Amino acid sequence: MRIGLDIMGGDFVPDHTLDGAIAALPHIGDDVLVLLGDESVIRAGLQKRGVAAERFEIVHTPTQITMEEKALRALQAKPDSSIAVGFKMLVAKQLDAFSSAGNSGAMVAGAASIVRTIDRVIRPCTATTIPQEEGPDSVVLDIGTTPDAKPDVMLQFGMLGSIYAQTVLGIAEPRVCLLNVGTEDGKGNLQCQAAFKLMKDTPYFHFVGNMEPRDLFKNKADVFVTDGFVGNILIKQIETFYRLFQKRHFSDPLIDRLNYELYGGSPILGVNAPVVLGHGISSPTAIKNMVLQSRSMFENKTTEKINFMFEQYVSN
């Protein structure tokens, strides 16, 4: 397996990305970790850390897309950037998975336009993992890619989340719910009411109905579906509470599992290869887990299983 990592992506490059790449090495066996970025910077950083460059494959990319740049414009203007080259290598099968903590817009746009969206997937989405009080982790999606998702798109989010929960989290029959303001049928705005009807009748996943945010950690569902607007607010609120607890030196097994570093990044689901987007402030631990997350997606054939499901998909 060949796993690509953008060394120039993130707020603390190259230190955090190099340290994360080094930390990932003991966990990937004979797989090859391919580092994309300025070769001189990568080699100097590895030498400083006393790590032989031969332990990696280095692909020189002379430019990088900064956090402030407009996504599509930057991808077009910088075809030799680490993000653009990473996606091109994915398409050419020179990489099996790719991850970056760089410009999120460029990552999502590049995944959709270069790697391309899986046939019949209306919109790809980003997901994240959250802990449960008693039970395995759950998936929340979308968390920012499609703020105004239509009901048929939200139905597909349920399909994507269900497969991710199966393949990466190891849940045999994921329970999929719709995040809403009440549990009764017919609750919510017009968007949620229409999405509920589609999900209730779908044969593509195990739907368990509406779920309120207060049940988010109570092991009542394995996949929480919402649009990117609500999902982004929700995840940022969870991150804020974790930081508040951390600042006050409060430790608890569940609270400790809210740490985003444990999960790595956000998979971009619905595109033709494993792609993971990391947080800009990713620590070396988060970078390491992002690499392992992308590896797990390839190893467990997440993309192939999404492809197979959507080959059977018939729009309502």
C-alpha atoms as a PDB file:
ATOM      1  CA  MET A   1       0.000   0.000   0.000  1.00  0.00           C
ATOM      2  CA  ARG A   2       1.190   3.539  -0.798  1.00  0.00           C
ATOM      3  CA  ILE A   3      -0.127   6.199   1.568  1.00  0.00           C
ATOM      4  CA  GLY A   4       0.269   9.863   0.660  1.00  0.00           C
ATOM      5  CA  LEU A   5       0.703  12.654   3.212  1.00  0.00           C
ATOM      6  CA  ASP A   6       0.856  16.373   2.443  1.00  0.00           C
ATOM      7  CA  ILE A   7       3.791  17.621   4.503  1.00  0.00           C
ATOM      8  CA  MET A   8       3.039  21.259   3.657  1.00  0.00           C
ATOM      9  CA  GLY A   9      -0.589  21.196   4.861  1.00  0.00           C
ATOM     10  CA  GLY A  10      -1.506  22.670   8.241  1.00  0.00           C
ATOM     11  CA  ASP A  11      -0.796  25.548  10.580  1.00  0.00           C
ATOM     12  CA  PHE A  12       2.405  24.070  12.034  1.00  0.00           C
ATOM     13  CA  VAL A  13       4.278  22.715   9.030  1.00  0.00           C
ATOM     14  CA  PRO A  14       6.596  21.022   8.596  1.00  0.00           C
ATOM     15  CA  ASP A  15       7.222  20.175  12.254  1.00  0.00           C
ATOM     16  CA  HIS A  16       3.859  18.621  13.123  1.00  0.00           C
ATOM     17  CA  THR A  17       3.451  16.829   9.810  1.00  0.00           C
ATOM     18  CA  LEU A  18       6.976  15.362   9.878  1.00  0.00           C
ATOM     19  CA  ASP A  19       6.634  14.281  13.507  1.00  0.00           C
ATOM     20  CA  GLY A  20       3.275  12.705  12.703  1.00  0.00           C
ATOM     21  CA  ALA A  21       4.698  10.878   9.694  1.00  0.00           C
ATOM     22  CA  ILE A  22       7.547   9.491  11.793  1.00  0.00           C
ATOM     23  CA  ALA A  23       5.101   8.421  14.514  1.00  0.00           C
ATOM     24  CA  ALA A  24       3.013   6.549  11.911  1.00  0.00           C
ATOM     25  CA  LEU A  25       5.911   4.410  10.672  1.00  0.00           C
ATOM     26  CA  PRO A  26       5.738   1.676  13.359  1.00  0.00           C
ATOM     27  CA  HIS A  27       2.034   1.173  12.593  1.00  0.00           C
ATOM     28  CA  ILE A  28       2.111   0.679   8.822  1.00  0.00           C
ATOM     29  CA  GLY A  29       4.350  -2.356   8.446  1.00  0.00           C
ATOM     30  CA  ASP A  30       5.702  -2.745   4.930  1.00  0.00           C
ATOM     31  CA  ASP A  31       3.441  -0.047   3.479  1.00  0.00           C
ATOM     32  CA  VAL A  32       5.120   2.975   1.902  1.00  0.00           C
ATOM     33  CA  LEU A  33       4.487   6.429   3.332  1.00  0.00           C
ATOM     34  CA  VAL A  34       4.858   8.990   0.545  1.00  0.00           C
ATOM     35  CA  LEU A  35       5.640  12.534   1.685  1.00  0.00           C
ATOM     36  CA  LEU A  36       4.597  15.358  -0.659  1.00  0.00           C
ATOM     37  CA  GLY A  37       6.164  18.776  -0.244  1.00  0.00           C
ATOM     38  CA  ASP A  38       9.337  20.789  -0.648  1.00  0.00           C
ATOM     39  CA  GLU A  39      12.017  18.091  -0.784  1.00  0.00           C
ATOM     40  CA  SER A  40      14.737  20.257   0.757  1.00  0.00           C
ATOM     41  CA  VAL A  41      12.472  21.112   3.695  1.00  0.00           C
ATOM     42  CA  ILE A  42      11.500  17.466   4.189  1.00  0.00           C
ATOM     43  CA  ARG A  43      15.082  16.172   4.057  1.00  0.00           C
ATOM     44  CA  ALA A  44      16.348  18.895   6.383  1.00  0.00           C
ATOM     45  CA  GLY A  45      13.553  18.157   8.851  1.00  0.00           C
ATOM     46  CA  LEU A  46      14.221  14.416   8.820  1.00  0.00           C
ATOM     47  CA  GLN A  47      17.963  14.970   9.241  1.00  0.00           C
ATOM     48  CA  LYS A  48      17.297  17.253  12.209  1.00  0.00           C
ATOM     49  CA  ARG A  49      15.269  14.455  13.787  1.00  0.00           C
ATOM     50  CA  GLY A  50      17.862  11.810  13.051  1.00  0.00           C
ATOM     51  CA  VAL A  51      15.520   9.861  10.767  1.00  0.00           C
ATOM     52  CA  ALA A  52      16.791   8.439   7.476  1.00  0.00           C
ATOM     53  CA  ALA A  53      14.999   9.890   4.452  1.00  0.00           C
ATOM     54  CA  GLU A  54      15.085   6.395   2.912  1.00  0.00           C
ATOM     55  CA  ARG A  55      12.356   5.320   5.315  1.00  0.00           C
ATOM     56  CA  PHE A  56       9.944   7.370   3.204  1.00  0.00           C
ATOM     57  CA  GLU A  57       9.344   8.120  -0.429  1.00  0.00           C
ATOM     58  CA  ILE A  58       9.597  11.839  -1.098  1.00  0.00           C
ATOM     59  CA  VAL A  59       7.754  13.578  -3.933  1.00  0.00           C
ATOM     60  CA  HIS A  60       8.962  17.123  -4.510  1.00  0.00           C
ATOM     61  CA  THR A  61       6.175  19.665  -4.924  1.00  0.00           C
ATOM     62  CA  PRO A  62       7.601  23.179  -5.213  1.00  0.00           C
ATOM     63  CA  THR A  63       4.472  25.102  -4.214  1.00  0.00           C
ATOM     64  CA  GLN A  64       1.775  24.853  -1.567  1.00  0.00           C
ATOM     65  CA  ILE A  65      -1.802  26.071  -1.277  1.00  0.00           C
ATOM     66  CA  THR A  66      -2.075  28.304   1.770  1.00  0.00           C
ATOM     67  CA  MET A  67      -5.043  28.387   4.109  1.00  0.00           C
ATOM     68  CA  GLU A  68      -6.135  31.803   2.848  1.00  0.00           C
ATOM     69  CA  GLU A  69      -6.292  31.003  -0.880  1.00  0.00           C
ATOM     70  CA  LYS A  70      -9.507  30.411  -2.810  1.00  0.00           C
ATOM     71  CA  ALA A  71      -9.811  26.687  -3.430  1.00  0.00           C
ATOM     72  CA  LEU A  72     -10.546  26.289  -7.150  1.00  0.00           C
ATOM     73  CA  ARG A  73      -8.384  29.222  -8.183  1.00  0.00           C
ATOM     74  CA  ALA A  74      -5.443  27.860  -6.186  1.00  0.00           C
ATOM     75  CA  LEU A  75      -5.803  24.344  -7.614  1.00  0.00           C
ATOM     76  CA  GLN A  76      -5.752  25.764 -11.137  1.00  0.00           C
ATOM     77  CA  ALA A  77      -2.915  28.219 -10.471  1.00  0.00           C
ATOM     78  CA  LYS A  78      -0.750  25.717  -8.583  1.00  0.00           C
ATOM     79  CA  PRO A  79      -0.903  22.349 -10.355  1.00  0.00           C
ATOM     80  CA  ASP A  80       2.471  21.495  -8.789  1.00  0.00           C
ATOM     81  CA  SER A  81       1.255  22.042  -5.225  1.00  0.00           C
ATOM     82  CA  SER A  82       1.288  19.191  -2.706  1.00  0.00           C
ATOM     83  CA  ILE A  83      -2.519  18.925  -2.681  1.00  0.00           C
ATOM     84  CA  ALA A  84      -2.934  18.974  -6.467  1.00  0.00           C
ATOM     85  CA  VAL A  85      -0.112  16.466  -7.019  1.00  0.00           C
ATOM     86  CA  GLY A  86      -1.479  14.206  -4.292  1.00  0.00           C
ATOM     87  CA  PHE A  87      -4.845  14.002  -6.028  1.00  0.00           C
ATOM     88  CA  LYS A  88      -3.245  13.401  -9.418  1.00  0.00           C
ATOM     89  CA  MET A  89      -1.217  10.545  -7.960  1.00  0.00           C
ATOM     90  CA  LEU A  90      -4.412   9.060  -6.510  1.00  0.00           C
ATOM     91  CA  VAL A  91      -6.077   9.143  -9.932  1.00  0.00           C
ATOM     92  CA  ALA A  92      -2.986   7.586 -11.547  1.00  0.00           C
ATOM     93  CA  LYS A  93      -2.991   4.794  -8.892  1.00  0.00           C
ATOM     94  CA  GLN A  94       0.428   5.950  -7.699  1.00  0.00           C
ATOM     95  CA  LEU A  95      -1.162   6.414  -4.268  1.00  0.00           C
ATOM     96  CA  ASP A  96      -3.805   4.290  -2.574  1.00  0.00           C
ATOM     97  CA  ALA A  97      -4.846   6.951  -0.055  1.00  0.00           C
ATOM     98  CA  PHE A  98      -4.084  10.617   0.549  1.00  0.00           C
ATOM     99  CA  SER A  99      -4.457  12.960   3.516  1.00  0.00           C
ATOM    100  CA  SER A 100      -3.738  16.596   4.272  1.00  0.00           C
ATOM    101  CA  ALA A 101      -4.348  19.084   7.055  1.00  0.00           C
ATOM    102  CA  GLY A 102      -4.132  21.905   4.524  1.00  0.00           C
ATOM    103  CA  ASN A 103      -6.689  24.180   2.870  1.00  0.00           C
ATOM    104  CA  SER A 104     -10.038  22.421   3.471  1.00  0.00           C
ATOM    105  CA  GLY A 105     -11.734  24.040   0.491  1.00  0.00           C
ATOM    106  CA  ALA A 106      -8.963  22.890  -1.832  1.00  0.00           C
ATOM    107  CA  MET A 107      -9.125  19.386  -0.389  1.00  0.00           C
ATOM    108  CA  VAL A 108     -12.875  19.069  -0.912  1.00  0.00           C
ATOM    109  CA  ALA A 109     -12.837  20.754  -4.317  1.00  0.00           C
ATOM    110  CA  GLY A 110      -9.856  18.710  -5.491  1.00  0.00           C
ATOM    111  CA  ALA A 111     -11.360  15.455  -4.258  1.00  0.00           C
ATOM    112  CA  ALA A 112     -14.569  16.158  -6.171  1.00  0.00           C
ATOM    113  CA  SER A 113     -13.030  17.614  -9.360  1.00  0.00           C
ATOM    114  CA  ILE A 114      -9.781  15.619  -9.725  1.00  0.00           C
ATOM    115  CA  VAL A 115     -10.445  12.304  -7.970  1.00  0.00           C
ATOM    116  CA  ARG A 116     -14.096  12.843  -8.881  1.00  0.00           C
ATOM    117  CA  THR A 117     -17.357  11.932  -7.235  1.00  0.00           C
ATOM    118  CA  ILE A 118     -18.577   8.336  -7.376  1.00  0.00           C
ATOM    119  CA  ASP A 119     -21.267   7.778 -10.004  1.00  0.00           C
ATOM    120  CA  ARG A 120     -24.775   8.522  -8.643  1.00  0.00           C
ATOM    121  CA  VAL A 121     -23.443  10.310  -5.550  1.00  0.00           C
ATOM    122  CA  ILE A 122     -25.038  13.753  -5.697  1.00  0.00           C
ATOM    123  CA  ARG A 123     -22.642  15.474  -3.286  1.00  0.00           C
ATOM    124  CA  PRO A 124     -19.663  14.114  -1.346  1.00  0.00           C
ATOM    125  CA  CYS A 125     -19.526  14.954   2.327  1.00  0.00           C
ATOM    126  CA  THR A 126     -17.168  15.126   5.277  1.00  0.00           C
ATOM    127  CA  ALA A 127     -17.666  13.078   8.422  1.00  0.00           C
ATOM    128  CA  THR A 128     -16.274  12.855  11.916  1.00  0.00           C
ATOM    129  CA  THR A 129     -16.268  10.344  14.743  1.00  0.00           C
ATOM    130  CA  ILE A 130     -17.661  10.932  18.232  1.00  0.00           C
ATOM    131  CA  PRO A 131     -17.613   8.677  21.310  1.00  0.00           C
ATOM    132  CA  GLN A 132     -20.574   7.020  23.025  1.00  0.00           C
ATOM    133  CA  GLU A 133     -21.067   6.668  26.790  1.00  0.00           C
ATOM    134  CA  GLU A 134     -21.360   2.908  26.564  1.00  0.00           C
ATOM    135  CA  GLY A 135     -20.511   1.442  23.207  1.00  0.00           C
ATOM    136  CA  PRO A 136     -18.446   2.043  20.085  1.00  0.00           C
ATOM    137  CA  ASP A 137     -17.851   5.378  18.398  1.00  0.00           C
ATOM    138  CA  SER A 138     -20.442   6.901  16.084  1.00  0.00           C
ATOM    139  CA  VAL A 139     -20.276   8.922  12.869  1.00  0.00           C
ATOM    140  CA  VAL A 140     -21.693  12.413  12.270  1.00  0.00           C
ATOM    141  CA  LEU A 141     -22.119  13.735   8.719  1.00  0.00           C
ATOM    142  CA  ASP A 142     -22.127  16.157   6.973  1.00  0.00           C
ATOM    143  CA  ILE A 143     -19.911  18.493   9.028  1.00  0.00           C
ATOM    144  CA  GLY A 144     -19.484  21.386   6.621  1.00  0.00           C
ATOM    145  CA  THR A 145     -19.293  20.391   2.966  1.00  0.00           C
ATOM    146  CA  THR A 146     -22.950  20.974   2.023  1.00  0.00           C
ATOM    147  CA  PRO A 147     -24.602  23.541   4.317  1.00  0.00           C
ATOM    148  CA  ASP A 148     -27.889  23.517   2.386  1.00  0.00           C
ATOM    149  CA  ALA A 149     -28.227  19.792   1.686  1.00  0.00           C
ATOM    150  CA  LYS A 150     -31.465  18.730   0.032  1.00  0.00           C
ATOM    151  CA  PRO A 151     -33.436  15.738   1.394  1.00  0.00           C
ATOM    152  CA  ASP A 152     -32.195  13.333  -1.302  1.00  0.00           C
ATOM    153  CA  VAL A 153     -28.612  14.380  -0.519  1.00  0.00           C
ATOM    154  CA  MET A 154     -29.200  13.726   3.186  1.00  0.00           C
ATOM    155  CA  LEU A 155     -30.539  10.282   2.319  1.00  0.00           C
ATOM    156  CA  GLN A 156     -27.246   9.589   0.558  1.00  0.00           C
ATOM    157  CA  PHE A 157     -25.327  10.877   3.590  1.00  0.00           C
ATOM    158  CA  GLY A 158     -27.012   8.072   5.505  1.00  0.00           C
ATOM    159  CA  MET A 159     -25.761   5.570   2.922  1.00  0.00           C
ATOM    160  CA  LEU A 160     -22.217   6.931   3.034  1.00  0.00           C
ATOM    161  CA  GLY A 161     -22.154   7.035   6.832  1.00  0.00           C
ATOM    162  CA  SER A 162     -23.506   3.513   7.128  1.00  0.00           C
ATOM    163  CA  ILE A 163     -20.749   2.088   4.926  1.00  0.00           C
ATOM    164  CA  TYR A 164     -18.054   4.060   6.753  1.00  0.00           C
ATOM    165  CA  ALA A 165     -19.348   2.778  10.100  1.00  0.00           C
ATOM    166  CA  GLN A 166     -19.253  -0.775   8.763  1.00  0.00           C
ATOM    167  CA  THR A 167     -15.846  -0.699   7.131  1.00  0.00           C
ATOM    168  CA  VAL A 168     -13.800   1.575   9.401  1.00  0.00           C
ATOM    169  CA  LEU A 169     -15.576   1.370  12.775  1.00  0.00           C
ATOM    170  CA  GLY A 170     -16.454  -2.323  12.395  1.00  0.00           C
ATOM    171  CA  ILE A 171     -20.186  -2.002  13.166  1.00  0.00           C
ATOM    172  CA  ALA A 172     -22.018  -4.860  11.446  1.00  0.00           C
ATOM    173  CA  GLU A 173     -25.428  -3.185  11.043  1.00  0.00           C
ATOM    174  CA  PRO A 174     -25.129   0.535  11.779  1.00  0.00           C
ATOM    175  CA  ARG A 175     -28.187   2.304  13.164  1.00  0.00           C
ATOM    176  CA  VAL A 176     -28.746   5.468  11.134  1.00  0.00           C
ATOM    177  CA  CYS A 177     -30.724   8.394  12.523  1.00  0.00           C
ATOM    178  CA  LEU A 178     -31.696  11.886  11.433  1.00  0.00           C
ATOM    179  CA  LEU A 179     -30.564  14.630  13.814  1.00  0.00           C
ATOM    180  CA  ASN A 180     -33.671  16.659  14.590  1.00  0.00           C
ATOM    181  CA  VAL A 181     -35.435  18.829  17.180  1.00  0.00           C
ATOM    182  CA  GLY A 182     -37.678  15.971  18.313  1.00  0.00           C
ATOM    183  CA  THR A 183     -38.002  12.218  17.981  1.00  0.00           C
ATOM    184  CA  GLU A 184     -41.560  12.047  16.662  1.00  0.00           C
ATOM    185  CA  ASP A 185     -42.378  11.534  12.990  1.00  0.00           C
ATOM    186  CA  GLY A 186     -43.072  14.841  11.274  1.00  0.00           C
ATOM    187  CA  LYS A 187     -40.778  16.878  13.506  1.00  0.00           C
ATOM    188  CA  GLY A 188     -38.406  19.534  12.209  1.00  0.00           C
ATOM    189  CA  ASN A 189     -38.315  21.949   9.299  1.00  0.00           C
ATOM    190  CA  LEU A 190     -39.439  21.055   5.783  1.00  0.00           C
ATOM    191  CA  GLN A 191     -35.968  19.784   4.939  1.00  0.00           C
ATOM    192  CA  CYS A 192     -35.937  17.309   7.843  1.00  0.00           C
ATOM    193  CA  GLN A 193     -39.539  16.250   7.299  1.00  0.00           C
ATOM    194  CA  ALA A 194     -38.825  15.373   3.664  1.00  0.00           C
ATOM    195  CA  ALA A 195     -35.525  13.662   4.533  1.00  0.00           C
ATOM    196  CA  PHE A 196     -37.268  11.605   7.215  1.00  0.00           C
ATOM    197  CA  LYS A 197     -39.794  10.258   4.712  1.00  0.00           C
ATOM    198  CA  LEU A 198     -37.022   9.182   2.330  1.00  0.00           C
ATOM    199  CA  MET A 199     -34.991   7.546   5.090  1.00  0.00           C
ATOM    200  CA  LYS A 200     -37.977   5.773   6.615  1.00  0.00           C
ATOM    201  CA  ASP A 201     -38.653   3.937   3.346  1.00  0.00           C
ATOM    202  CA  THR A 202     -35.066   3.287   2.246  1.00  0.00           C
ATOM    203  CA  PRO A 203     -33.719  -0.253   1.798  1.00  0.00           C
ATOM    204  CA  TYR A 204     -30.111   0.972   1.838  1.00  0.00           C
ATOM    205  CA  PHE A 205     -29.529   1.245   5.588  1.00  0.00           C
ATOM    206  CA  HIS A 206     -31.083   0.530   8.985  1.00  0.00           C
ATOM    207  CA  PHE A 207     -32.975   3.704   9.872  1.00  0.00           C
ATOM    208  CA  VAL A 208     -33.963   4.197  13.531  1.00  0.00           C
ATOM    209  CA  GLY A 209     -35.785   7.522  13.189  1.00  0.00           C
ATOM    210  CA  ASN A 210     -35.227  11.035  14.461  1.00  0.00           C
ATOM    211  CA  MET A 211     -32.746  11.681  17.249  1.00  0.00           C
ATOM    212  CA  GLU A 212     -32.330  14.786  19.390  1.00  0.00           C
ATOM    213  CA  PRO A 213     -28.895  16.293  20.105  1.00  0.00           C
ATOM    214  CA  ARG A 214     -29.233  15.354  23.792  1.00  0.00           C
ATOM    215  CA  ASP A 215     -28.990  11.710  22.696  1.00  0.00           C
ATOM    216  CA  LEU A 216     -25.775  12.266  20.767  1.00  0.00           C
ATOM    217  CA  PHE A 217     -23.594  10.295  23.211  1.00  0.00           C
ATOM    218  CA  LYS A 218     -26.117   7.749  24.539  1.00  0.00           C
ATOM    219  CA  ASN A 219     -25.423   4.898  22.098  1.00  0.00           C
ATOM    220  CA  LYS A 220     -28.851   5.163  20.478  1.00  0.00           C
ATOM    221  CA  ALA A 221     -27.441   5.414  16.928  1.00  0.00           C
ATOM    222  CA  ASP A 222     -24.212   4.720  15.054  1.00  0.00           C
ATOM    223  CA  VAL A 223     -24.666   7.305  12.276  1.00  0.00           C
ATOM    224  CA  PHE A 224     -26.095  10.793  12.803  1.00  0.00           C
ATOM    225  CA  VAL A 225     -27.213  12.504   9.594  1.00  0.00           C
ATOM    226  CA  THR A 226     -27.550  16.263   9.270  1.00  0.00           C
ATOM    227  CA  ASP A 227     -26.685  19.006   6.794  1.00  0.00           C
ATOM    228  CA  GLY A 228     -23.296  20.684   6.711  1.00  0.00           C
ATOM    229  CA  PHE A 229     -24.530  23.836   8.447  1.00  0.00           C
ATOM    230  CA  VAL A 230     -25.870  22.130  11.560  1.00  0.00           C
ATOM    231  CA  GLY A 231     -23.093  19.533  11.524  1.00  0.00           C
ATOM    232  CA  ASN A 232     -20.334  22.149  11.435  1.00  0.00           C
ATOM    233  CA  ILE A 233     -21.838  24.087  14.353  1.00  0.00           C
ATOM    234  CA  LEU A 234     -22.305  20.858  16.313  1.00  0.00           C
ATOM    235  CA  ILE A 235     -18.719  19.673  15.888  1.00  0.00           C
ATOM    236  CA  LYS A 236     -17.241  23.090  16.694  1.00  0.00           C
ATOM    237  CA  GLN A 237     -19.338  23.175  19.864  1.00  0.00           C
ATOM    238  CA  ILE A 238     -18.066  19.740  20.887  1.00  0.00           C
ATOM    239  CA  GLU A 239     -14.461  20.871  20.261  1.00  0.00           C
ATOM    240  CA  THR A 240     -15.081  24.006  22.345  1.00  0.00           C
ATOM    241  CA  PHE A 241     -16.422  22.027  25.306  1.00  0.00           C
ATOM    242  CA  TYR A 242     -13.456  19.660  25.113  1.00  0.00           C
ATOM    243  CA  ARG A 243     -11.029  22.598  25.229  1.00  0.00           C
ATOM    244  CA  LEU A 244     -12.914  24.102  28.195  1.00  0.00           C
ATOM    245  CA  PHE A 245     -12.707  20.817  30.105  1.00  0.00           C
ATOM    246  CA  GLN A 246      -9.031  20.479  29.205  1.00  0.00           C
ATOM    247  CA  LYS A 247      -8.264  24.038  30.312  1.00  0.00           C
ATOM    248  CA  ARG A 248      -9.846  23.257  33.687  1.00  0.00           C
ATOM    249  CA  HIS A 249      -7.835  20.013  33.980  1.00  0.00           C
ATOM    250  CA  PHE A 250     -10.991  17.920  34.050  1.00  0.00           C
ATOM    251  CA  SER A 251     -10.413  14.342  32.999  1.00  0.00           C
ATOM    252  CA  ASP A 252     -13.030  11.664  32.384  1.00  0.00           C
ATOM    253  CA  PRO A 253     -12.965   8.597  30.097  1.00  0.00           C
ATOM    254  CA  LEU A 254     -15.771   9.926  27.871  1.00  0.00           C
ATOM    255  CA  ILE A 255     -14.533  13.527  27.848  1.00  0.00           C
ATOM    256  CA  ASP A 256     -11.017  12.366  26.974  1.00  0.00           C
ATOM    257  CA  ARG A 257     -12.439  10.573  23.914  1.00  0.00           C
ATOM    258  CA  LEU A 258     -13.764  13.898  22.588  1.00  0.00           C
ATOM    259  CA  ASN A 259     -10.180  14.762  21.650  1.00  0.00           C
ATOM    260  CA  TYR A 260     -10.118  15.073  17.842  1.00  0.00           C
ATOM    261  CA  GLU A 261      -6.475  13.945  17.824  1.00  0.00           C
ATOM    262  CA  LEU A 262      -7.598  10.368  18.527  1.00  0.00           C
ATOM    263  CA  TYR A 263      -9.547  10.171  15.267  1.00  0.00           C
ATOM    264  CA  GLY A 264      -7.123  11.879  12.905  1.00  0.00           C
ATOM    265  CA  GLY A 265      -9.299  13.759  10.451  1.00  0.00           C
ATOM    266  CA  SER A 266     -12.506  13.887   8.473  1.00  0.00           C
ATOM    267  CA  PRO A 267     -12.921  11.413   5.622  1.00  0.00           C
ATOM    268  CA  ILE A 268     -14.276  12.918   2.407  1.00  0.00           C
ATOM    269  CA  LEU A 269     -16.884  10.305   1.544  1.00  0.00           C
ATOM    270  CA  GLY A 270     -18.364   9.760  -1.895  1.00  0.00           C
ATOM    271  CA  VAL A 271     -15.225  10.226  -4.012  1.00  0.00           C
ATOM    272  CA  ASN A 272     -13.278   7.579  -5.931  1.00  0.00           C
ATOM    273  CA  ALA A 273     -10.406   7.041  -3.474  1.00  0.00           C
ATOM    274  CA  PRO A 274      -9.697   7.298   0.263  1.00  0.00           C
ATOM    275  CA  VAL A 275      -9.149  10.972   1.139  1.00  0.00           C
ATOM    276  CA  VAL A 276      -8.899  12.368   4.669  1.00  0.00           C
ATOM    277  CA  LEU A 277      -8.947  16.048   5.612  1.00  0.00           C
ATOM    278  CA  GLY A 278      -7.178  17.000   8.822  1.00  0.00           C
ATOM    279  CA  HIS A 279      -7.716  19.913  11.173  1.00  0.00           C
ATOM    280  CA  GLY A 280      -5.436  22.868  10.408  1.00  0.00           C
ATOM    281  CA  ILE A 281      -4.153  22.844  13.984  1.00  0.00           C
ATOM    282  CA  SER A 282      -3.422  19.107  13.860  1.00  0.00           C
ATOM    283  CA  SER A 283      -0.806  17.911  16.334  1.00  0.00           C
ATOM    284  CA  PRO A 284       1.678  15.165  15.429  1.00  0.00           C
ATOM    285  CA  THR A 285      -0.682  12.659  17.082  1.00  0.00           C
ATOM    286  CA  ALA A 286      -3.557  13.841  14.906  1.00  0.00           C
ATOM    287  CA  ILE A 287      -1.371  13.662  11.782  1.00  0.00           C
ATOM    288  CA  LYS A 288      -0.335  10.108  12.654  1.00  0.00           C
ATOM    289  CA  ASN A 289      -3.956   9.045  13.169  1.00  0.00           C
ATOM    290  CA  MET A 290      -5.014  10.801   9.954  1.00  0.00           C
ATOM    291  CA  VAL A 291      -2.490   8.676   8.041  1.00  0.00           C
ATOM    292  CA  LEU A 292      -3.732   5.504   9.750  1.00  0.00           C
ATOM    293  CA  GLN A 293      -7.345   6.493   9.094  1.00  0.00           C
ATOM    294  CA  SER A 294      -6.727   6.844   5.352  1.00  0.00           C
ATOM    295  CA  ARG A 295      -4.880   3.516   5.419  1.00  0.00           C
ATOM    296  CA  SER A 296      -7.828   1.851   7.148  1.00  0.00           C
ATOM    297  CA  MET A 297     -10.229   3.173   4.503  1.00  0.00           C
ATOM    298  CA  PHE A 298      -8.155   1.580   1.754  1.00  0.00           C
ATOM    299  CA  GLU A 299      -7.507  -1.621   3.666  1.00  0.00           C
ATOM    300  CA  ASN A 300     -11.220  -2.120   4.398  1.00  0.00           C
ATOM    301  CA  LYS A 301     -12.271  -1.227   0.840  1.00  0.00           C
ATOM    302  CA  THR A 302     -14.527   1.648   1.918  1.00  0.00           C
ATOM    303  CA  THR A 303     -14.538   3.255  -1.536  1.00  0.00           C
ATOM    304  CA  GLU A 304     -15.273  -0.027  -3.316  1.00  0.00           C
ATOM    305  CA  LYS A 305     -18.186  -0.767  -0.984  1.00  0.00           C
ATOM    306  CA  ILE A 306     -19.632   2.717  -1.482  1.00  0.00           C
ATOM    307  CA  ASN A 307     -19.299   2.191  -5.233  1.00  0.00           C
ATOM    308  CA  PHE A 308     -21.123  -1.132  -5.014  1.00  0.00           C
ATOM    309  CA  MET A 309     -23.995   0.314  -2.977  1.00  0.00           C
ATOM    310  CA  PHE A 310     -24.478   3.223  -5.384  1.00  0.00           C
ATOM    311  CA  GLU A 311     -24.481   0.868  -8.358  1.00  0.00           C
ATOM    312  CA  GLN A 312     -27.649  -0.566  -6.807  1.00  0.00           C
ATOM    313  CA  TYR A 313     -29.028   2.846  -5.832  1.00  0.00           C
ATOM    314  CA  VAL A 314     -32.288   3.952  -7.415  1.00  0.00           C
ATOM    315  CA  SER A 315     -33.281   7.527  -6.651  1.00  0.00           C
ATOM    316  CA  ASN A 316     -36.658   8.068  -5.046  1.00  0.00           C
END
